[in-house]
């Protein structure tokens, strides 16, 4: 059976793409429009944060306090970006549809917030130890 592009519920006809009684079509179109307008900005932030995380991990070898602060800051910036713009590869949307994929991506963003807290705690730990 064919499923709704937004929520993943089974549809009665193979000719439909969205649920009839819900506002799935409106939400899906808003999501696609927002994603097309912001995906370049999202990609630039992702690349910058990943590069800063790598630089921070290398810096942590030589100066644990500064390196952990850089990693924590980069992770929190990446997490906020992912929580605001929960975009995933197209294969995720085909498998789980828009609604469930957005939830999964936002949970990953929350995990990044926790990881950022761990690196901030490590920076605090090394600053009190020194």
Protein backbone atom coordinates (compact mmCIF):
# COMPACT_ATOMS: atom_id res chain seq x y z
CA UNK A 1 0.00 0.00 0.00
CA UNK A 2 1.18 3.53 -0.76
CA UNK A 3 1.97 5.81 2.20
CA UNK A 4 1.56 9.53 2.79
CA UNK A 5 4.69 11.51 1.92
CA UNK A 6 4.50 13.49 5.15
CA UNK A 7 3.18 11.33 7.98
CA UNK A 8 3.62 7.81 6.58
CA UNK A 9 0.00 6.67 7.04
CA UNK A 10 -1.36 4.24 4.48
CA UNK A 11 -3.44 5.83 1.75
CA UNK A 12 -6.57 4.39 0.18
CA UNK A 13 -5.51 5.03 -3.41
CA UNK A 14 -2.25 4.76 -5.32
CA UNK A 15 -2.99 8.10 -6.98
CA UNK A 16 -2.76 10.10 -3.75
CA UNK A 17 0.46 11.42 -2.24
CA UNK A 18 -0.89 12.87 1.02
CA UNK A 19 -3.68 12.20 3.52
CA UNK A 20 -7.02 13.71 2.50
CA UNK A 21 -8.33 14.83 5.89
CA UNK A 22 -5.04 16.04 7.41
CA UNK A 23 -2.92 19.05 6.45
CA UNK A 24 -0.04 16.82 5.40
CA UNK A 25 0.20 18.28 1.92
CA UNK A 26 0.54 21.83 3.22
CA UNK A 27 3.18 20.82 5.78
CA UNK A 28 5.15 18.80 3.23
CA UNK A 29 5.17 21.65 0.72
CA UNK A 30 6.30 24.09 3.43
CA UNK A 31 9.06 21.68 4.44
CA UNK A 32 10.31 21.23 0.86
CA UNK A 33 10.25 24.98 0.22
CA UNK A 34 12.10 25.76 3.46
CA UNK A 35 14.67 23.05 2.77
CA UNK A 36 15.36 24.30 -0.74
CA UNK A 37 15.78 27.88 0.54
CA UNK A 38 18.16 27.01 3.40
CA UNK A 39 20.08 23.91 2.35
CA UNK A 40 23.16 25.85 1.17
CA UNK A 41 23.39 27.70 4.48
CA UNK A 42 22.87 24.40 6.33
CA UNK A 43 25.68 22.74 4.35
CA UNK A 44 28.12 25.58 5.00
CA UNK A 45 27.45 25.47 8.75
CA UNK A 46 27.83 21.68 8.78
CA UNK A 47 31.18 21.79 7.00
CA UNK A 48 32.48 24.63 9.20
CA UNK A 49 31.45 22.84 12.40
CA UNK A 50 32.98 19.52 11.36
CA UNK A 51 36.26 21.25 10.47
CA UNK A 52 36.24 23.11 13.79
CA UNK A 53 35.55 19.87 15.68
CA UNK A 54 38.58 18.24 14.02
CA UNK A 55 40.75 21.27 14.77
CA UNK A 56 39.53 21.28 18.37
CA UNK A 57 40.33 17.59 18.81
CA UNK A 58 43.85 18.18 17.51
CA UNK A 59 44.20 21.22 19.78
CA UNK A 60 43.03 19.12 22.75
CA UNK A 61 46.21 17.07 22.48
CA UNK A 62 48.35 20.14 23.09
CA UNK A 63 45.99 22.28 25.21
CA UNK A 64 43.09 20.27 26.64
CA UNK A 65 41.19 23.30 27.93
CA UNK A 66 41.14 25.28 24.68
CA UNK A 67 40.64 22.18 22.52
CA UNK A 68 37.65 20.98 24.53
CA UNK A 69 36.11 24.46 24.49
CA UNK A 70 36.44 24.61 20.69
CA UNK A 71 34.86 21.16 20.32
CA UNK A 72 32.04 22.01 22.76
CA UNK A 73 31.29 25.27 20.97
CA UNK A 74 31.31 23.63 17.56
CA UNK A 75 29.06 20.82 18.73
CA UNK A 76 26.54 23.22 20.25
CA UNK A 77 26.50 25.30 17.03
CA UNK A 78 25.95 22.14 14.99
CA UNK A 79 23.24 20.94 17.39
CA UNK A 80 21.33 24.22 17.23
CA UNK A 81 21.55 24.19 13.44
CA UNK A 82 20.25 20.61 13.29
CA UNK A 83 17.43 21.37 15.74
CA UNK A 84 16.33 24.37 13.69
CA UNK A 85 16.83 22.74 10.28
CA UNK A 86 16.28 18.97 10.65
CA UNK A 87 17.42 17.90 7.19
CA UNK A 88 18.56 14.39 6.30
CA UNK A 89 19.63 12.54 3.15
CA UNK A 90 16.86 11.79 0.68
CA UNK A 91 16.98 8.06 1.42
CA UNK A 92 15.80 8.76 4.99
CA UNK A 93 12.69 10.52 3.67
CA UNK A 94 11.90 7.60 1.36
CA UNK A 95 12.19 5.11 4.20
CA UNK A 96 10.58 6.98 7.14
CA UNK A 97 8.81 9.96 5.49
CA UNK A 98 9.20 13.59 6.52
CA UNK A 99 7.64 13.60 9.99
CA UNK A 100 9.53 10.62 11.44
CA UNK A 101 12.81 11.63 9.79
CA UNK A 102 12.58 15.10 11.35
CA UNK A 103 12.03 13.54 14.78
CA UNK A 104 15.03 11.21 14.33
CA UNK A 105 17.27 14.09 13.22
CA UNK A 106 16.16 16.24 16.16
CA UNK A 107 16.93 13.41 18.59
CA UNK A 108 20.41 13.30 17.05
CA UNK A 109 20.64 17.07 17.63
CA UNK A 110 19.78 16.53 21.30
CA UNK A 111 22.55 13.92 21.50
CA UNK A 112 24.95 16.54 20.12
CA UNK A 113 23.88 18.92 22.90
CA UNK A 114 24.74 16.22 25.46
CA UNK A 115 28.10 15.59 23.76
CA UNK A 116 28.78 19.33 23.86
CA UNK A 117 28.09 19.30 27.59
CA UNK A 118 30.56 16.44 28.05
CA UNK A 119 33.31 18.38 26.27
CA UNK A 120 32.47 21.52 28.27
CA UNK A 121 32.73 19.48 31.46
CA UNK A 122 36.11 18.12 30.32
CA UNK A 123 37.32 21.68 29.70
CA UNK A 124 36.15 22.67 33.18
CA UNK A 125 37.79 19.58 34.68
CA UNK A 126 41.14 20.32 33.03
CA UNK A 127 40.95 24.00 34.06
CA UNK A 128 40.48 23.09 37.73
CA UNK A 129 43.19 20.43 37.58
CA UNK A 130 45.80 22.78 36.09
